[in-house]
Amino acid sequence: MYRLTLFFVFLFFLNVYPQSHKDYISGPFDSPQALTQECLNCHQNAAIELMKTNHWTWLDEEYVSEDGNKTRMGKKNFINNFCIAVPSNYPRCTSCHAGYGWKDSSFNFSAPENVDCLVCHDGSGTYVKVPTGAGMPDKKVDLLLVSQSVGKSSRKNCGMCHFDGGGGTGVKHGDLDDSLYEPKPETDVHMGVLDFSCTDCHQTKEHKIMGASHGSMASGQNHIYCTDCHEGEVHENKTINKHLSSVACETCHIPEFAKEEPTKVWWDWSKAGEDRADTKDKYGKETYSRIKGEFVWAKNVIPTYKWYNGSAQYYQFGEIFNPAEVVKLNKLNGSMSDPNSKITPFKVMRGKQIYDSENNYLIIPKLFGEDGYWKTFDWNLASQIGMKEVKLDYSGRYGFVETEMYWPINHMVASKDKALRCTNCHGVKGNYLNWKELGYSGDPMKVKGRKFNN
C-alpha cells in the first residue's frame, strides 16, 4: 500500500511539475535550425502542423472578393496604413514570423528546420529576435538555455509580436500592448484578475490557434466568441439578455481601450522626409519622424461601433479607387437587416499613404534596407522597387491619399461593474452609439416617459 501511494504521488508531481528539458537536450547548437531539428526528434509532427497554419503562411482560408475572385488573404499580401506591406520589406516585417530566415520572396516555406519553436515556447524569458533579422534570434541568445526551458506558451511569448506590432507597444491594436504582460485588474479582468494566458481563450489544435486575424476576417472563419465560455442566459436581467442577439459582448464590456498605453490613430506618410526635428506628445510618444511622417496618439479611446457579421472585404494589390474619396483598406460586412450581424467595437486607424496618381492604386514602397525610403528619402526609387516586387506597373507619378482601416477590439475587458449601463447608449445622456450611423432613425428605446436606471 505504501509503495502504491508513493507511485501515485510520483505520477502527480510528474504531471504538475514535468521533467525539465535539461534531461533531454544537451546541445550545443551552432544554429537555431539545428535546435529545431533536435525538437523534431521527439515532436515529429510539430513542424508539419505549424506549416499549415497562418502563423507560418501568413495567409488564411480562401476568400471571395467583391469581384468574385477567390484568393487567400493574410499579412503576406495585405496593405495596411502603418508600415504598409511586407513585399520588399521582408527582413524587417518578418522579424515576427514564426520561422527563421524569411529575407526575401525565395524563402522556403516547406523546410521544417526553418520553424521557430522557441518564439512560442521559451520559458526563460530571454529569447528575442533581431528587429531587422528576418526572424533570426539575437546572437546573444543562449539557445541551449532557452531550449531547456521550453513549455506551454505564455502571454510573454505571444506578446513579443502581438503587443508590439507596428513598431512598438500598442501601435496597431489598441487593445493589445505591454500593459498586458502584468495587467492591473482594471485593465483586463481575464488576464489581470484570473491570470489567463492567451491560449485559455485562443484554443489551439495541431498548432492552429483560433482567433480572427485580418485574414480570418476576410474569410469569415476562425472566430472565437465570449459565448463559447459564457453560455446561455448569462445576465440576471432579461432585457440585457435580449441584447445578445444584436450586440456583441465586447460592446458593453470594453467601454474603452488603450487604457494604460496610448495607441496610434493617425499616420501621415506625406509629411515624411521634411527637414524638421522629431517631436513627442504628452505621452512621450513620437509625433513626427523624418523617416515615417506625422502621428497622432490617443488613450482611453471609446471604440467605433459597426454592424459586423464576422467577415470583411479587403483592399488588394492593384485595386483601382477614386483618390477624391477615403480609401477603405477593409470594409466590414454586416447590417441591421443581417441576422448574423451584431453591433461590434473597433479601432479605426486613419492616415495618408502613397499611391500611383496615374494608375490610381496604392503603392507598395520599399521602406527598409538598401535603396529603401528610410535611407534614401526617395519616394520614386522606393516605389519602383516595391512595385516591381509585386509585379505592378509604376507610372512614375505619385501622391498621397487618405485611408482608413478597422481593427477589432476584443481585449481589455472590464469587470461587470465597469461595463456600460443602459444610459450610456440610451436616453438623454446616451452618447456611446450613433444610432443614425447604425441605421436607426434615432434611439430605438426612446419612448416618451421611459426612465432608465443604472
Protein backbone atom coordinates (compact mmCIF):
# COMPACT_ATOMS: atom_id res chain seq x y z
CA MET A 1 0.00 0.00 0.00
CA TYR A 2 2.86 2.34 0.91
CA ARG A 3 4.60 1.69 -2.45
CA LEU A 4 1.33 2.26 -4.32
CA THR A 5 0.85 5.59 -2.55
CA LEU A 6 4.38 6.65 -3.45
CA PHE A 7 3.71 5.66 -7.05
CA PHE A 8 0.63 7.91 -7.30
CA VAL A 9 2.47 10.78 -5.60
CA PHE A 10 5.21 10.37 -8.21
CA LEU A 11 2.66 10.49 -11.03
CA PHE A 12 1.09 13.62 -9.52
CA PHE A 13 4.35 15.51 -9.38
CA LEU A 14 5.34 14.29 -12.82
CA ASN A 15 2.11 15.74 -14.18
CA VAL A 16 2.20 19.02 -12.25
CA TYR A 17 5.95 19.51 -12.41
CA PRO A 18 7.07 17.81 -15.63
CA GLN A 19 10.71 16.99 -16.08
CA SER A 20 12.89 19.80 -17.35
CA HIS A 21 14.06 19.59 -20.95
CA LYS A 22 17.55 19.58 -19.46
CA ASP A 23 17.06 15.85 -19.24
CA TYR A 24 16.50 15.60 -22.99
CA ILE A 25 18.51 18.39 -24.64
CA SER A 26 22.24 18.76 -24.26
CA GLY A 27 23.34 20.77 -27.30
CA PRO A 28 25.40 22.67 -28.22
CA PHE A 29 23.73 24.21 -31.30
CA ASP A 30 25.54 26.10 -34.00
CA SER A 31 22.31 27.50 -35.46
CA PRO A 32 18.63 27.85 -34.48
CA GLN A 33 17.76 25.47 -37.31
CA ALA A 34 19.90 22.78 -35.66
CA LEU A 35 17.94 23.28 -32.46
CA THR A 36 14.64 22.89 -34.33
CA GLN A 37 15.88 19.60 -35.73
CA GLU A 38 16.54 18.48 -32.14
CA CYS A 39 12.97 19.43 -31.15
CA LEU A 40 11.58 17.47 -34.07
CA ASN A 41 13.33 14.29 -32.96
CA CYS A 42 10.63 13.98 -30.29
CA HIS A 43 7.88 16.29 -31.57
CA GLN A 44 7.85 14.74 -35.01
CA ASN A 45 4.62 16.31 -36.33
CA ALA A 46 5.02 19.76 -34.79
CA ALA A 47 6.61 21.48 -37.79
CA ILE A 48 4.25 19.82 -40.26
CA GLU A 49 1.29 21.05 -38.22
CA LEU A 50 2.62 24.58 -37.81
CA MET A 51 3.41 24.93 -41.50
CA LYS A 52 -0.30 24.56 -42.28
CA THR A 53 -1.27 27.49 -40.08
CA ASN A 54 -1.46 31.25 -40.67
CA HIS A 55 1.36 31.82 -38.19
CA TRP A 56 3.59 30.22 -40.82
CA THR A 57 1.97 31.02 -44.18
CA TRP A 58 0.71 34.50 -43.18
CA LEU A 59 -2.36 33.56 -45.23
CA ASP A 60 -5.76 32.35 -44.10
CA GLU A 61 -8.60 30.39 -45.62
CA GLU A 62 -9.96 31.11 -49.08
CA TYR A 63 -11.62 34.48 -49.51
CA VAL A 64 -14.08 35.64 -52.20
CA SER A 65 -13.52 39.29 -53.10
CA GLU A 66 -16.18 41.78 -54.22
CA ASP A 67 -15.45 40.98 -57.88
CA GLY A 68 -15.94 37.25 -57.26
CA ASN A 69 -12.29 36.22 -57.42
CA LYS A 70 -11.08 33.63 -54.94
CA THR A 71 -7.82 34.14 -53.10
CA ARG A 72 -6.22 33.75 -49.68
CA MET A 73 -5.55 36.87 -47.66
CA GLY A 74 -3.21 37.50 -44.77
CA LYS A 75 -0.27 39.55 -43.57
CA LYS A 76 1.69 38.29 -46.57
CA ASN A 77 -0.47 40.22 -49.07
CA PHE A 78 -2.35 42.86 -47.07
CA ILE A 79 -1.85 46.59 -47.30
CA ASN A 80 -2.28 48.48 -44.03
CA ASN A 81 -1.76 52.14 -43.11
CA PHE A 82 1.06 51.51 -40.67
CA CYS A 83 4.23 50.23 -42.40
CA ILE A 84 2.12 49.45 -45.48
CA ALA A 85 3.14 45.97 -46.74
CA VAL A 86 5.54 43.04 -46.42
CA PRO A 87 6.87 42.66 -50.03
CA SER A 88 10.34 44.22 -50.49
CA ASN A 89 10.47 44.89 -46.72
CA TYR A 90 10.84 41.26 -45.61
CA PRO A 91 13.71 41.30 -43.07
CA ARG A 92 12.00 44.00 -41.00
CA CYS A 93 8.43 42.69 -41.21
CA THR A 94 9.34 39.02 -40.87
CA SER A 95 11.17 39.57 -37.58
CA CYS A 96 7.81 38.47 -36.13
CA HIS A 97 7.44 35.41 -38.34
CA ALA A 98 7.35 32.05 -36.55
CA GLY A 99 10.33 30.97 -38.61
CA TYR A 100 13.94 31.66 -39.47
CA GLY A 101 15.34 33.48 -42.49
CA TRP A 102 12.38 34.87 -44.49
CA LYS A 103 14.54 37.60 -46.01
CA ASP A 104 13.02 37.71 -49.49
CA SER A 105 10.41 36.10 -51.73
CA SER A 106 12.55 32.97 -52.21
CA PHE A 107 12.01 31.79 -48.60
CA ASN A 108 11.48 28.03 -48.38
CA PHE A 109 8.11 27.53 -46.66
CA SER A 110 8.45 23.75 -46.90
CA ALA A 111 11.64 23.40 -44.82
CA PRO A 112 10.76 22.15 -41.29
CA GLU A 113 14.12 23.29 -39.90
CA ASN A 114 13.08 26.90 -40.56
CA VAL A 115 10.27 26.65 -37.99
CA ASP A 116 10.97 28.68 -34.84
CA CYS A 117 9.85 26.56 -31.88
CA LEU A 118 11.37 28.90 -29.30
CA VAL A 119 9.41 32.06 -30.05
CA CYS A 120 6.23 30.39 -28.79
CA HIS A 121 7.66 28.04 -26.18
CA ASP A 122 10.56 29.84 -24.48
CA GLY A 123 10.15 29.73 -20.71
CA SER A 124 13.35 31.53 -19.76
CA GLY A 125 12.18 35.00 -20.72
CA THR A 126 15.46 35.59 -22.53
CA TYR A 127 14.55 34.76 -26.13
CA VAL A 128 14.44 37.72 -28.51
CA LYS A 129 14.54 38.09 -32.26
CA VAL A 130 16.59 40.71 -34.10
CA PRO A 131 14.12 43.50 -35.10
CA THR A 132 15.57 43.58 -38.62
CA GLY A 133 16.78 39.98 -38.83
CA ALA A 134 14.16 38.10 -40.89
CA GLY A 135 13.07 36.11 -37.86
CA MET A 136 16.52 35.12 -36.64
CA PRO A 137 17.22 35.23 -32.89
CA ASP A 138 19.65 37.72 -31.42
CA LYS A 139 23.16 36.26 -31.39
CA LYS A 140 23.32 36.95 -27.65
CA VAL A 141 20.55 34.41 -27.02
CA ASP A 142 21.78 31.24 -25.30
CA LEU A 143 20.00 28.66 -27.47
CA LEU A 144 20.78 25.80 -25.11
CA LEU A 145 19.43 27.67 -22.08
CA VAL A 146 16.24 28.60 -23.91
CA SER A 147 15.71 25.12 -25.37
CA GLN A 148 15.98 23.56 -21.92
CA SER A 149 13.34 25.98 -20.57
CA VAL A 150 10.57 25.32 -23.09
CA GLY A 151 6.99 24.68 -22.06
CA LYS A 152 3.46 25.87 -22.76
CA SER A 153 3.18 29.29 -24.37
CA SER A 154 2.60 32.34 -22.20
CA ARG A 155 1.49 35.95 -22.58
CA LYS A 156 5.19 36.80 -22.82
CA ASN A 157 5.60 34.56 -25.86
CA CYS A 158 2.52 35.87 -27.67
CA GLY A 159 3.07 39.47 -26.65
CA MET A 160 6.53 39.67 -28.24
CA CYS A 161 4.80 40.07 -31.59
CA HIS A 162 1.16 40.83 -30.87
CA PHE A 163 1.66 43.52 -28.20
CA ASP A 164 4.36 45.34 -30.18
CA GLY A 165 3.17 45.00 -33.79
CA GLY A 166 3.75 48.04 -35.99
CA GLY A 167 6.94 49.07 -34.28
CA GLY A 168 6.07 49.43 -30.61
CA THR A 169 3.70 48.80 -27.75
CA GLY A 170 0.04 49.37 -28.58
CA VAL A 171 0.76 50.82 -32.02
CA LYS A 172 -1.61 48.69 -34.08
CA HIS A 173 -4.25 47.06 -31.96
CA GLY A 174 -5.04 49.43 -29.13
CA ASP A 175 -6.38 46.57 -27.02
CA LEU A 176 -3.05 44.71 -27.02
CA ASP A 177 0.02 46.34 -25.50
CA ASP A 178 2.80 45.80 -22.96
CA SER A 179 0.47 46.56 -20.03
CA LEU A 180 -0.96 43.07 -20.53
CA TYR A 181 2.25 41.31 -19.52
CA GLU A 182 1.40 42.06 -15.88
CA PRO A 183 -2.01 43.73 -16.16
CA LYS A 184 -3.84 45.57 -13.42
CA PRO A 185 -7.26 44.13 -12.53
CA GLU A 186 -8.97 47.13 -14.11
CA THR A 187 -7.01 46.77 -17.36
CA ASP A 188 -8.37 43.32 -18.23
CA VAL A 189 -10.48 41.11 -15.99
CA HIS A 190 -9.38 37.84 -17.61
CA MET A 191 -5.66 38.47 -17.55
CA GLY A 192 -5.44 40.90 -14.63
CA VAL A 193 -7.76 39.08 -12.20
CA LEU A 194 -7.91 35.47 -13.39
CA ASP A 195 -4.34 35.39 -14.81
CA PHE A 196 -5.44 33.88 -18.12
CA SER A 197 -2.83 33.00 -20.68
CA CYS A 198 -3.66 33.78 -24.31
CA THR A 199 -4.40 30.15 -25.15
CA ASP A 200 -7.02 29.89 -22.40
CA CYS A 201 -9.30 31.66 -24.87
CA HIS A 202 -7.42 31.14 -28.13
CA GLN A 203 -7.82 27.38 -28.13
CA THR A 204 -5.20 25.50 -30.13
CA LYS A 205 -5.32 22.22 -32.01
CA GLU A 206 -2.40 20.86 -34.02
CA HIS A 207 -0.71 24.26 -33.66
CA LYS A 208 -3.63 26.11 -35.26
CA ILE A 209 -4.52 28.92 -32.88
CA MET A 210 -8.13 30.06 -33.04
CA GLY A 211 -8.88 33.77 -33.26
CA ALA A 212 -9.69 36.17 -36.06
CA SER A 213 -6.72 37.92 -37.58
CA HIS A 214 -7.39 40.06 -40.64
CA GLY A 215 -7.01 37.00 -42.87
CA SER A 216 -9.66 35.26 -40.80
CA MET A 217 -11.90 38.32 -41.02
CA ALA A 218 -11.57 38.18 -44.80
CA SER A 219 -12.65 34.54 -44.90
CA GLY A 220 -15.14 34.91 -42.04
CA GLN A 221 -13.58 31.97 -40.18
CA ASN A 222 -11.54 31.04 -37.07
CA HIS A 223 -13.52 33.27 -34.73
CA ILE A 224 -13.77 32.77 -31.01
CA TYR A 225 -16.62 34.30 -29.06
CA CYS A 226 -17.25 35.22 -25.43
CA THR A 227 -20.29 32.95 -25.55
CA ASP A 228 -18.03 29.96 -26.22
CA CYS A 229 -17.49 30.03 -22.44
CA HIS A 230 -20.27 32.30 -21.18
CA GLU A 231 -23.20 30.25 -22.43
CA GLY A 232 -26.95 30.69 -22.18
CA GLU A 233 -28.74 33.41 -20.24
CA VAL A 234 -25.59 34.98 -18.86
CA HIS A 235 -27.22 38.02 -17.25
CA GLU A 236 -29.74 38.15 -14.45
CA ASN A 237 -31.52 40.96 -16.28
CA LYS A 238 -33.72 39.54 -19.06
CA THR A 239 -33.67 42.82 -21.00
CA ILE A 240 -29.89 42.70 -21.19
CA ASN A 241 -30.02 39.06 -22.33
CA LYS A 242 -32.22 40.13 -25.25
CA HIS A 243 -29.34 42.27 -26.47
CA LEU A 244 -27.18 39.19 -27.07
CA SER A 245 -28.77 38.59 -30.47
CA SER A 246 -27.75 42.00 -31.83
CA VAL A 247 -24.98 43.35 -29.60
CA ALA A 248 -21.52 41.81 -29.25
CA CYS A 249 -20.42 41.15 -25.66
CA GLU A 250 -17.36 43.35 -26.21
CA THR A 251 -19.57 46.36 -26.98
CA CYS A 252 -20.70 46.64 -23.36
CA HIS A 253 -17.74 45.01 -21.66
CA ILE A 254 -14.96 47.04 -23.36
CA PRO A 255 -16.11 50.64 -22.85
CA GLU A 256 -12.66 51.91 -23.79
CA PHE A 257 -9.28 50.64 -24.95
CA ALA A 258 -5.67 51.86 -24.77
CA LYS A 259 -6.15 52.15 -21.01
CA GLU A 260 -2.50 52.19 -19.97
CA GLU A 261 -0.55 52.73 -23.16
CA PRO A 262 -1.70 55.15 -25.91
CA THR A 263 -2.38 53.76 -29.36
CA LYS A 264 -1.63 55.26 -32.75
CA VAL A 265 -4.75 56.56 -34.55
CA TRP A 266 -3.25 58.66 -37.36
CA TRP A 267 -0.16 58.17 -39.56
CA ASP A 268 0.59 60.67 -42.32
CA TRP A 269 3.31 59.39 -44.66
CA SER A 270 3.07 62.55 -46.81
CA LYS A 271 4.96 64.51 -44.14
CA ALA A 272 7.95 62.13 -44.15
CA GLY A 273 11.28 63.49 -45.35
CA GLU A 274 10.72 67.03 -44.10
CA ASP A 275 13.73 68.82 -42.63
CA ARG A 276 12.41 69.30 -39.10
CA ALA A 277 13.14 67.90 -35.70
CA ASP A 278 11.47 64.77 -34.37
CA THR A 279 8.82 65.58 -31.74
CA LYS A 280 6.89 63.84 -28.96
CA ASP A 281 3.48 64.33 -27.34
CA LYS A 282 2.30 64.47 -23.72
CA TYR A 283 2.50 60.67 -23.52
CA GLY A 284 6.14 60.71 -24.61
CA LYS A 285 5.14 59.20 -27.95
CA GLU A 286 6.68 60.20 -31.25
CA THR A 287 4.52 62.68 -33.20
CA TYR A 288 7.00 63.29 -36.00
CA SER A 289 9.72 61.13 -37.51
CA ARG A 290 11.58 62.08 -40.67
CA ILE A 291 11.56 58.51 -41.97
CA LYS A 292 7.88 57.85 -41.20
CA GLY A 293 5.97 61.12 -41.09
CA GLU A 294 3.44 62.52 -38.66
CA PHE A 295 1.46 60.66 -35.98
CA VAL A 296 -1.40 61.17 -33.55
CA TRP A 297 -1.82 59.00 -30.44
CA ALA A 298 -4.84 58.53 -28.19
CA LYS A 299 -5.53 57.00 -24.79
CA ASN A 300 -8.72 55.72 -23.11
CA VAL A 301 -10.34 55.54 -26.54
CA ILE A 302 -14.07 54.91 -26.92
CA PRO A 303 -14.45 52.35 -29.74
CA THR A 304 -16.21 52.94 -33.05
CA TYR A 305 -19.28 50.72 -33.31
CA LYS A 306 -20.36 48.97 -36.51
CA TRP A 307 -22.69 46.18 -37.59
CA TYR A 308 -20.43 43.18 -38.23
CA ASN A 309 -21.13 39.56 -39.18
CA GLY A 310 -17.59 38.23 -38.79
CA SER A 311 -16.36 38.82 -42.35
CA ALA A 312 -14.90 41.71 -44.28
CA GLN A 313 -13.73 42.79 -47.72
CA TYR A 314 -10.08 43.83 -48.11
CA TYR A 315 -8.21 46.09 -50.48
CA GLN A 316 -5.96 44.08 -52.79
CA PHE A 317 -2.76 44.95 -54.63
CA GLY A 318 -3.59 46.92 -57.79
CA GLU A 319 -7.20 47.68 -56.91
CA ILE A 320 -8.24 50.97 -58.55
CA PHE A 321 -10.01 53.65 -56.49
CA ASN A 322 -11.20 57.25 -56.63
CA PRO A 323 -8.47 59.34 -54.93
CA ALA A 324 -11.03 62.04 -54.05
CA GLU A 325 -12.53 59.61 -51.55
CA VAL A 326 -11.11 57.96 -48.44
CA VAL A 327 -9.73 54.54 -49.41
CA LYS A 328 -11.13 51.81 -47.20
CA LEU A 329 -8.46 49.18 -46.65
CA ASN A 330 -11.15 46.90 -45.28
CA LYS A 331 -14.94 47.06 -45.38
CA LEU A 332 -16.85 45.31 -42.62
CA ASN A 333 -19.69 43.09 -43.77
CA GLY A 334 -22.91 43.39 -41.83
CA SER A 335 -26.08 45.41 -41.42
CA MET A 336 -29.08 45.83 -39.20
CA SER A 337 -31.06 43.54 -41.52
CA ASP A 338 -28.42 40.78 -41.42
CA PRO A 339 -29.41 38.23 -38.73
CA ASN A 340 -25.75 37.24 -38.31
CA SER A 341 -24.62 40.79 -37.57
CA LYS A 342 -24.03 42.40 -34.21
CA ILE A 343 -23.07 45.89 -33.11
CA THR A 344 -19.34 45.43 -32.51
CA PRO A 345 -16.48 47.68 -31.30
CA PHE A 346 -13.49 48.63 -33.47
CA LYS A 347 -10.43 50.82 -33.50
CA VAL A 348 -10.32 52.90 -36.68
CA MET A 349 -6.82 53.65 -37.94
CA ARG A 350 -6.59 56.59 -40.32
CA GLY A 351 -3.76 58.17 -42.25
CA LYS A 352 -2.30 59.19 -45.59
CA GLN A 353 -0.18 56.87 -47.70
CA ILE A 354 1.45 56.83 -51.09
CA TYR A 355 -0.44 55.90 -54.26
CA ASP A 356 0.18 55.92 -58.01
CA SER A 357 -1.56 59.11 -59.12
CA GLU A 358 -1.84 57.96 -62.73
CA ASN A 359 -2.92 54.34 -62.20
CA ASN A 360 -4.99 55.25 -59.11
CA TYR A 361 -3.96 52.36 -56.92
CA LEU A 362 -1.88 52.11 -53.76
CA ILE A 363 1.88 51.81 -53.98
CA ILE A 364 3.81 49.19 -52.02
CA PRO A 365 7.05 51.10 -51.37
CA LYS A 366 10.37 49.64 -50.34
CA LEU A 367 10.96 51.23 -46.95
CA PHE A 368 13.58 49.06 -45.29
CA GLY A 369 17.08 48.11 -46.40
CA GLU A 370 19.34 49.05 -49.27
CA ASP A 371 17.76 51.73 -51.51
CA GLY A 372 14.72 51.80 -49.23
CA TYR A 373 12.99 55.09 -48.45
CA TRP A 374 14.25 55.10 -44.86
CA LYS A 375 17.79 55.50 -46.26
CA THR A 376 17.29 57.44 -49.49
CA PHE A 377 14.16 59.56 -48.81
CA ASP A 378 13.40 58.98 -52.48
CA TRP A 379 9.74 58.01 -52.97
CA ASN A 380 10.23 57.38 -56.69
CA LEU A 381 13.02 54.85 -56.14
CA ALA A 382 11.15 53.21 -53.25
CA SER A 383 8.04 52.92 -55.42
CA GLN A 384 9.91 51.46 -58.40
CA ILE A 385 11.49 48.73 -56.30
CA GLY A 386 8.37 47.89 -54.31
CA MET A 387 6.01 47.74 -57.27
CA LYS A 388 8.45 45.60 -59.24
CA GLU A 389 8.41 43.14 -56.31
CA VAL A 390 4.61 42.74 -56.59
CA LYS A 391 4.64 42.85 -60.41
CA LEU A 392 2.57 46.02 -60.76
CA ASP A 393 3.24 48.93 -63.09
CA TYR A 394 4.51 52.16 -61.57
CA SER A 395 3.75 55.23 -63.68
CA GLY A 396 6.47 57.40 -62.12
CA ARG A 397 3.88 59.72 -60.59
CA TYR A 398 2.75 59.53 -57.02
CA GLY A 399 0.60 61.34 -54.48
CA PHE A 400 -0.84 60.67 -51.04
CA VAL A 401 -4.38 59.57 -50.32
CA GLU A 402 -6.31 59.27 -47.06
CA THR A 403 -7.05 55.72 -45.92
CA GLU A 404 -8.84 54.01 -43.05
CA MET A 405 -8.77 50.52 -41.61
CA TYR A 406 -10.88 48.78 -38.95
CA TRP A 407 -9.22 46.72 -36.21
CA PRO A 408 -11.41 44.56 -33.93
CA ILE A 409 -11.44 45.24 -30.19
CA ASN A 410 -11.60 42.05 -28.10
CA HIS A 411 -9.24 42.59 -25.16
CA MET A 412 -9.08 44.91 -22.14
CA VAL A 413 -12.38 43.50 -20.89
CA ALA A 414 -13.83 45.38 -17.92
CA SER A 415 -15.38 43.67 -14.90
CA LYS A 416 -19.18 43.62 -14.93
CA ASP A 417 -19.44 46.57 -12.53
CA LYS A 418 -17.42 48.66 -15.00
CA ALA A 419 -19.38 47.61 -18.11
CA LEU A 420 -21.64 50.05 -19.95
CA ARG A 421 -25.00 50.84 -18.39
CA CYS A 422 -28.28 51.30 -20.24
CA THR A 423 -27.92 55.09 -20.04
CA ASN A 424 -24.53 55.03 -21.77
CA CYS A 425 -26.33 54.20 -25.01
CA HIS A 426 -30.00 55.03 -24.38
CA GLY A 427 -31.82 58.08 -23.09
CA VAL A 428 -30.92 61.76 -22.96
CA LYS A 429 -27.32 61.21 -21.86
CA GLY A 430 -26.63 58.15 -24.02
CA ASN A 431 -23.68 59.02 -26.28
CA TYR A 432 -21.81 55.78 -26.94
CA LEU A 433 -23.75 54.70 -30.02
CA ASN A 434 -24.52 56.81 -33.06
CA TRP A 435 -27.94 55.39 -33.80
CA LYS A 436 -28.34 57.03 -37.20
CA GLU A 437 -24.97 55.72 -38.43
CA LEU A 438 -26.12 52.25 -37.34
CA GLY A 439 -29.26 52.58 -39.46
CA TYR A 440 -31.83 53.69 -36.90
CA SER A 441 -33.91 56.86 -37.12
CA GLY A 442 -32.91 57.52 -33.51
CA ASP A 443 -32.59 55.84 -30.13
CA PRO A 444 -34.78 52.71 -30.51
CA MET A 445 -35.56 52.72 -26.80
CA LYS A 446 -36.53 56.37 -26.59
CA VAL A 447 -40.15 56.13 -25.57
CA LYS A 448 -42.00 59.07 -24.05
CA GLY A 449 -41.93 58.83 -20.27
CA ARG A 450 -39.41 55.94 -20.29
CA LYS A 451 -36.85 56.08 -17.48
CA PHE A 452 -33.52 54.29 -17.44
CA ASN A 453 -31.84 53.05 -14.33
CA ASN A 454 -28.15 52.36 -13.88
